[in-house]
Amino acid sequence: MKNLENKLQVLNENRGDVELREYVEISAESDPNFFRWLFGEDFDNDFDSSMTSEQKEEYKSWLETL
């Protein structure tokens, strides 16, 4: 994930009263562009199946740190 500090700042600004991790999980589930934005890549429409196993693991590890 590139420019993660900037992305964390954007996420924090947009989350409102919701905890950051919860906001990220909600965004990942509801926004089809979330992973495209987070990884800076143009995934296919079904982005979850287009992500590599390394990207999925990177996301899970990052999510645990929030």
PDB file of N, CA and C in Angstrom:
ATOM      1  N   MET A   1       0.846  -1.177   0.000  1.00  0.00           N
ATOM      2  CA  MET A   1       0.000   0.000   0.000  1.00  0.00           C
ATOM      3  C   MET A   1       0.887   1.234   0.000  1.00  0.00           C
ATOM      4  N   LYS A   2       0.700   2.038  -1.001  1.00  0.00           N
ATOM      5  CA  LYS A   2       1.523   3.231  -1.161  1.00  0.00           C
ATOM      6  C   LYS A   2       0.874   4.416  -0.456  1.00  0.00           C
ATOM      7  N   ASN A   3       1.706   5.336   0.003  1.00  0.00           N
ATOM      8  CA  ASN A   3       1.232   6.575   0.645  1.00  0.00           C
ATOM      9  C   ASN A   3       0.263   6.290   1.794  1.00  0.00           C
ATOM     10  N   LEU A   4       0.587   5.304   2.585  1.00  0.00           N
ATOM     11  CA  LEU A   4      -0.313   4.860   3.645  1.00  0.00           C
ATOM     12  C   LEU A   4      -0.584   5.947   4.678  1.00  0.00           C
ATOM     13  N   GLU A   5       0.410   6.760   4.984  1.00  0.00           N
ATOM     14  CA  GLU A   5       0.192   7.844   5.956  1.00  0.00           C
ATOM     15  C   GLU A   5      -0.875   8.808   5.465  1.00  0.00           C
ATOM     16  N   ASN A   6      -0.813   9.170   4.194  1.00  0.00           N
ATOM     17  CA  ASN A   6      -1.823  10.068   3.627  1.00  0.00           C
ATOM     18  C   ASN A   6      -3.198   9.411   3.616  1.00  0.00           C
ATOM     19  N   LYS A   7      -3.236   8.132   3.302  1.00  0.00           N
ATOM     20  CA  LYS A   7      -4.516   7.419   3.260  1.00  0.00           C
ATOM     21  C   LYS A   7      -5.104   7.301   4.660  1.00  0.00           C
ATOM     22  N   LEU A   8      -4.264   7.083   5.649  1.00  0.00           N
ATOM     23  CA  LEU A   8      -4.745   7.038   7.031  1.00  0.00           C
ATOM     24  C   LEU A   8      -5.324   8.387   7.442  1.00  0.00           C
ATOM     25  N   GLN A   9      -4.694   9.460   7.001  1.00  0.00           N
ATOM     26  CA  GLN A   9      -5.204  10.795   7.303  1.00  0.00           C
ATOM     27  C   GLN A   9      -6.588  10.989   6.680  1.00  0.00           C
ATOM     28  N   VAL A  10      -6.752  10.586   5.433  1.00  0.00           N
ATOM     29  CA  VAL A  10      -8.051  10.706   4.758  1.00  0.00           C
ATOM     30  C   VAL A  10      -9.098   9.860   5.473  1.00  0.00           C
ATOM     31  N   LEU A  11      -8.739   8.638   5.820  1.00  0.00           N
ATOM     32  CA  LEU A  11      -9.681   7.761   6.517  1.00  0.00           C
ATOM     33  C   LEU A  11     -10.092   8.356   7.855  1.00  0.00           C
ATOM     34  N   ASN A  12      -9.134   8.883   8.587  1.00  0.00           N
ATOM     35  CA  ASN A  12      -9.442   9.492   9.881  1.00  0.00           C
ATOM     36  C   ASN A  12     -10.338  10.708   9.732  1.00  0.00           C
ATOM     37  N   GLU A  13     -10.124  11.491   8.689  1.00  0.00           N
ATOM     38  CA  GLU A  13     -10.947  12.676   8.462  1.00  0.00           C
ATOM     39  C   GLU A  13     -12.382  12.315   8.095  1.00  0.00           C
ATOM     40  N   ASN A  14     -12.568  11.180   7.436  1.00  0.00           N
ATOM     41  CA  ASN A  14     -13.886  10.792   6.943  1.00  0.00           C
ATOM     42  C   ASN A  14     -14.677   9.889   7.882  1.00  0.00           C
ATOM     43  N   ARG A  15     -14.057   9.368   8.900  1.00  0.00           N
ATOM     44  CA  ARG A  15     -14.702   8.339   9.718  1.00  0.00           C
ATOM     45  C   ARG A  15     -15.739   8.877  10.693  1.00  0.00           C
ATOM     46  N   GLY A  16     -15.706  10.139  10.978  1.00  0.00           N
ATOM     47  CA  GLY A  16     -16.668  10.701  11.925  1.00  0.00           C
ATOM     48  C   GLY A  16     -16.444  10.149  13.317  1.00  0.00           C
ATOM     49  N   ASP A  17     -17.525   9.698  13.957  1.00  0.00           N
ATOM     50  CA  ASP A  17     -17.452   9.185  15.326  1.00  0.00           C
ATOM     51  C   ASP A  17     -17.171   7.688  15.392  1.00  0.00           C
ATOM     52  N   VAL A  18     -17.008   7.057  14.250  1.00  0.00           N
ATOM     53  CA  VAL A  18     -16.785   5.615  14.181  1.00  0.00           C
ATOM     54  C   VAL A  18     -15.301   5.330  14.406  1.00  0.00           C
ATOM     55  N   GLU A  19     -15.013   4.232  15.097  1.00  0.00           N
ATOM     56  CA  GLU A  19     -13.614   3.824  15.274  1.00  0.00           C
ATOM     57  C   GLU A  19     -12.991   3.576  13.901  1.00  0.00           C
ATOM     58  N   LEU A  20     -11.707   3.844  13.766  1.00  0.00           N
ATOM     59  CA  LEU A  20     -11.031   3.748  12.484  1.00  0.00           C
ATOM     60  C   LEU A  20     -11.151   2.351  11.878  1.00  0.00           C
ATOM     61  N   ARG A  21     -10.879   1.333  12.667  1.00  0.00           N
ATOM     62  CA  ARG A  21     -10.944  -0.039  12.135  1.00  0.00           C
ATOM     63  C   ARG A  21     -12.345  -0.360  11.631  1.00  0.00           C
ATOM     64  N   GLU A  22     -13.353   0.017  12.386  1.00  0.00           N
ATOM     65  CA  GLU A  22     -14.730  -0.232  11.964  1.00  0.00           C
ATOM     66  C   GLU A  22     -15.041   0.514  10.669  1.00  0.00           C
ATOM     67  N   TYR A  23     -14.588   1.753  10.569  1.00  0.00           N
ATOM     68  CA  TYR A  23     -14.808   2.542   9.361  1.00  0.00           C
ATOM     69  C   TYR A  23     -14.145   1.878   8.152  1.00  0.00           C
ATOM     70  N   VAL A  24     -12.926   1.395   8.327  1.00  0.00           N
ATOM     71  CA  VAL A  24     -12.213   0.721   7.245  1.00  0.00           C
ATOM     72  C   VAL A  24     -12.963  -0.536   6.828  1.00  0.00           C
ATOM     73  N   GLU A  25     -13.425  -1.325   7.786  1.00  0.00           N
ATOM     74  CA  GLU A  25     -14.150  -2.552   7.465  1.00  0.00           C
ATOM     75  C   GLU A  25     -15.446  -2.248   6.715  1.00  0.00           C
ATOM     76  N   ILE A  26     -16.164  -1.229   7.163  1.00  0.00           N
ATOM     77  CA  ILE A  26     -17.406  -0.831   6.491  1.00  0.00           C
ATOM     78  C   ILE A  26     -17.099  -0.357   5.069  1.00  0.00           C
ATOM     79  N   SER A  27     -16.077   0.453   4.926  1.00  0.00           N
ATOM     80  CA  SER A  27     -15.698   0.959   3.607  1.00  0.00           C
ATOM     81  C   SER A  27     -15.280  -0.171   2.674  1.00  0.00           C
ATOM     82  N   ALA A  28     -14.538  -1.131   3.197  1.00  0.00           N
ATOM     83  CA  ALA A  28     -14.077  -2.261   2.392  1.00  0.00           C
ATOM     84  C   ALA A  28     -15.256  -3.094   1.897  1.00  0.00           C
ATOM     85  N   GLU A  29     -16.288  -3.206   2.725  1.00  0.00           N
ATOM     86  CA  GLU A  29     -17.457  -4.004   2.354  1.00  0.00           C
ATOM     87  C   GLU A  29     -18.408  -3.259   1.426  1.00  0.00           C
ATOM     88  N   SER A  30     -18.503  -1.950   1.574  1.00  0.00           N
ATOM     89  CA  SER A  30     -19.547  -1.215   0.867  1.00  0.00           C
ATOM     90  C   SER A  30     -19.065  -0.384  -0.320  1.00  0.00           C
ATOM     91  N   ASP A  31     -17.789  -0.073  -0.373  1.00  0.00           N
ATOM     92  CA  ASP A  31     -17.279   0.791  -1.439  1.00  0.00           C
ATOM     93  C   ASP A  31     -16.461  -0.036  -2.426  1.00  0.00           C
ATOM     94  N   PRO A  32     -16.981  -0.231  -3.643  1.00  0.00           N
ATOM     95  CA  PRO A  32     -16.245  -1.058  -4.615  1.00  0.00           C
ATOM     96  C   PRO A  32     -14.908  -0.461  -5.023  1.00  0.00           C
ATOM     97  N   ASN A  33     -14.679   0.804  -4.756  1.00  0.00           N
ATOM     98  CA  ASN A  33     -13.406   1.439  -5.108  1.00  0.00           C
ATOM     99  C   ASN A  33     -12.415   1.482  -3.950  1.00  0.00           C
ATOM    100  N   PHE A  34     -12.806   0.990  -2.787  1.00  0.00           N
ATOM    101  CA  PHE A  34     -11.953   1.107  -1.608  1.00  0.00           C
ATOM    102  C   PHE A  34     -10.585   0.454  -1.824  1.00  0.00           C
ATOM    103  N   PHE A  35     -10.566  -0.794  -2.269  1.00  0.00           N
ATOM    104  CA  PHE A  35      -9.283  -1.484  -2.446  1.00  0.00           C
ATOM    105  C   PHE A  35      -8.489  -0.907  -3.611  1.00  0.00           C
ATOM    106  N   ARG A  36      -9.174  -0.414  -4.619  1.00  0.00           N
ATOM    107  CA  ARG A  36      -8.478   0.264  -5.722  1.00  0.00           C
ATOM    108  C   ARG A  36      -7.730   1.471  -5.167  1.00  0.00           C
ATOM    109  N   TRP A  37      -8.416   2.239  -4.333  1.00  0.00           N
ATOM    110  CA  TRP A  37      -7.820   3.427  -3.729  1.00  0.00           C
ATOM    111  C   TRP A  37      -6.708   3.047  -2.751  1.00  0.00           C
ATOM    112  N   LEU A  38      -6.986   2.067  -1.896  1.00  0.00           N
ATOM    113  CA  LEU A  38      -6.027   1.683  -0.866  1.00  0.00           C
ATOM    114  C   LEU A  38      -4.721   1.177  -1.469  1.00  0.00           C
ATOM    115  N   PHE A  39      -4.814   0.344  -2.491  1.00  0.00           N
ATOM    116  CA  PHE A  39      -3.623  -0.230  -3.102  1.00  0.00           C
ATOM    117  C   PHE A  39      -3.125   0.569  -4.295  1.00  0.00           C
ATOM    118  N   GLY A  40      -3.903   1.536  -4.754  1.00  0.00           N
ATOM    119  CA  GLY A  40      -3.495   2.337  -5.898  1.00  0.00           C
ATOM    120  C   GLY A  40      -3.413   1.518  -7.174  1.00  0.00           C
ATOM    121  N   GLU A  41      -4.324   0.533  -7.290  1.00  0.00           N
ATOM    122  CA  GLU A  41      -4.333  -0.337  -8.459  1.00  0.00           C
ATOM    123  C   GLU A  41      -5.733  -0.407  -9.037  1.00  0.00           C
ATOM    124  N   ASP A  42      -5.817  -0.724 -10.302  1.00  0.00           N
ATOM    125  CA  ASP A  42      -7.097  -0.816 -10.979  1.00  0.00           C
ATOM    126  C   ASP A  42      -7.527  -2.273 -11.042  1.00  0.00           C
ATOM    127  N   PHE A  43      -8.184  -2.744  -9.980  1.00  0.00           N
ATOM    128  CA  PHE A  43      -8.668  -4.115  -9.943  1.00  0.00           C
ATOM    129  C   PHE A  43      -9.879  -4.270 -10.844  1.00  0.00           C
ATOM    130  N   ASP A  44     -10.156  -5.509 -11.220  1.00  0.00           N
ATOM    131  CA  ASP A  44     -11.372  -5.793 -11.978  1.00  0.00           C
ATOM    132  C   ASP A  44     -12.586  -5.464 -11.126  1.00  0.00           C
ATOM    133  N   ASN A  45     -13.760  -5.558 -11.716  1.00  0.00           N
ATOM    134  CA  ASN A  45     -14.991  -5.259 -10.987  1.00  0.00           C
ATOM    135  C   ASN A  45     -15.098  -6.061  -9.706  1.00  0.00           C
ATOM    136  N   ASP A  46     -14.755  -7.322  -9.758  1.00  0.00           N
ATOM    137  CA  ASP A  46     -14.782  -8.162  -8.565  1.00  0.00           C
ATOM    138  C   ASP A  46     -13.417  -8.072  -7.901  1.00  0.00           C
ATOM    139  N   PHE A  47     -13.161  -6.924  -7.258  1.00  0.00           N
ATOM    140  CA  PHE A  47     -11.826  -6.627  -6.764  1.00  0.00           C
ATOM    141  C   PHE A  47     -11.325  -7.630  -5.747  1.00  0.00           C
ATOM    142  N   ASP A  48     -12.219  -8.232  -4.947  1.00  0.00           N
ATOM    143  CA  ASP A  48     -11.769  -9.167  -3.920  1.00  0.00           C
ATOM    144  C   ASP A  48     -11.093 -10.377  -4.550  1.00  0.00           C
ATOM    145  N   SER A  49     -11.646 -10.886  -5.636  1.00  0.00           N
ATOM    146  CA  SER A  49     -11.021 -12.042  -6.283  1.00  0.00           C
ATOM    147  C   SER A  49      -9.837 -11.625  -7.158  1.00  0.00           C
ATOM    148  N   SER A  50      -9.729 -10.335  -7.465  1.00  0.00           N
ATOM    149  CA  SER A  50      -8.613  -9.844  -8.274  1.00  0.00           C
ATOM    150  C   SER A  50      -7.374  -9.554  -7.433  1.00  0.00           C
ATOM    151  N   MET A  51      -7.546  -9.413  -6.140  1.00  0.00           N
ATOM    152  CA  MET A  51      -6.404  -9.142  -5.264  1.00  0.00           C
ATOM    153  C   MET A  51      -5.547 -10.394  -5.145  1.00  0.00           C
ATOM    154  N   THR A  52      -4.253 -10.194  -5.088  1.00  0.00           N
ATOM    155  CA  THR A  52      -3.358 -11.332  -4.884  1.00  0.00           C
ATOM    156  C   THR A  52      -3.449 -11.787  -3.428  1.00  0.00           C
ATOM    157  N   SER A  53      -2.981 -12.975  -3.169  1.00  0.00           N
ATOM    158  CA  SER A  53      -2.980 -13.462  -1.787  1.00  0.00           C
ATOM    159  C   SER A  53      -2.084 -12.587  -0.917  1.00  0.00           C
ATOM    160  N   GLU A  54      -1.024 -12.046  -1.506  1.00  0.00           N
ATOM    161  CA  GLU A  54      -0.137 -11.156  -0.761  1.00  0.00           C
ATOM    162  C   GLU A  54      -0.851  -9.863  -0.386  1.00  0.00           C
ATOM    163  N   GLN A  55      -1.652  -9.332  -1.307  1.00  0.00           N
ATOM    164  CA  GLN A  55      -2.401  -8.110  -1.019  1.00  0.00           C
ATOM    165  C   GLN A  55      -3.454  -8.364   0.054  1.00  0.00           C
ATOM    166  N   LYS A  56      -4.118  -9.496  -0.023  1.00  0.00           N
ATOM    167  CA  LYS A  56      -5.120  -9.829   0.990  1.00  0.00           C
ATOM    168  C   LYS A  56      -4.469  -9.954   2.358  1.00  0.00           C
ATOM    169  N   GLU A  57      -3.317 -10.582   2.414  1.00  0.00           N
ATOM    170  CA  GLU A  57      -2.600 -10.741   3.677  1.00  0.00           C
ATOM    171  C   GLU A  57      -2.103  -9.393   4.188  1.00  0.00           C
ATOM    172  N   GLU A  58      -1.608  -8.561   3.278  1.00  0.00           N
ATOM    173  CA  GLU A  58      -1.144  -7.235   3.665  1.00  0.00           C
ATOM    174  C   GLU A  58      -2.296  -6.426   4.268  1.00  0.00           C
ATOM    175  N   TYR A  59      -3.464  -6.499   3.639  1.00  0.00           N
ATOM    176  CA  TYR A  59      -4.635  -5.792   4.151  1.00  0.00           C
ATOM    177  C   TYR A  59      -5.028  -6.310   5.530  1.00  0.00           C
ATOM    178  N   LYS A  60      -5.093  -7.632   5.691  1.00  0.00           N
ATOM    179  CA  LYS A  60      -5.473  -8.218   6.982  1.00  0.00           C
ATOM    180  C   LYS A  60      -4.488  -7.825   8.079  1.00  0.00           C
ATOM    181  N   SER A  61      -3.209  -7.869   7.773  1.00  0.00           N
ATOM    182  CA  SER A  61      -2.190  -7.493   8.762  1.00  0.00           C
ATOM    183  C   SER A  61      -2.316  -6.025   9.139  1.00  0.00           C
ATOM    184  N   TRP A  62      -2.515  -5.181   8.137  1.00  0.00           N
ATOM    185  CA  TRP A  62      -2.685  -3.745   8.388  1.00  0.00           C
ATOM    186  C   TRP A  62      -3.924  -3.481   9.213  1.00  0.00           C
ATOM    187  N   LEU A  63      -5.018  -4.159   8.897  1.00  0.00           N
ATOM    188  CA  LEU A  63      -6.263  -3.982   9.613  1.00  0.00           C
ATOM    189  C   LEU A  63      -6.096  -4.324  11.103  1.00  0.00           C
ATOM    190  N   GLU A  64      -5.325  -5.340  11.387  1.00  0.00           N
ATOM    191  CA  GLU A  64      -5.089  -5.741  12.769  1.00  0.00           C
ATOM    192  C   GLU A  64      -4.324  -4.672  13.563  1.00  0.00           C
ATOM    193  N   THR A  65      -3.578  -3.824  12.872  1.00  0.00           N
ATOM    194  CA  THR A  65      -2.815  -2.791  13.567  1.00  0.00           C
ATOM    195  C   THR A  65      -3.666  -1.567  13.922  1.00  0.00           C
ATOM    196  N   LEU A  66      -4.849  -1.482  13.314  1.00  0.00           N
ATOM    197  CA  LEU A  66      -5.700  -0.311  13.552  1.00  0.00           C
ATOM    198  C   LEU A  66      -6.389  -0.383  14.902  1.00  0.00           C
TER     199      LEU A  66
END
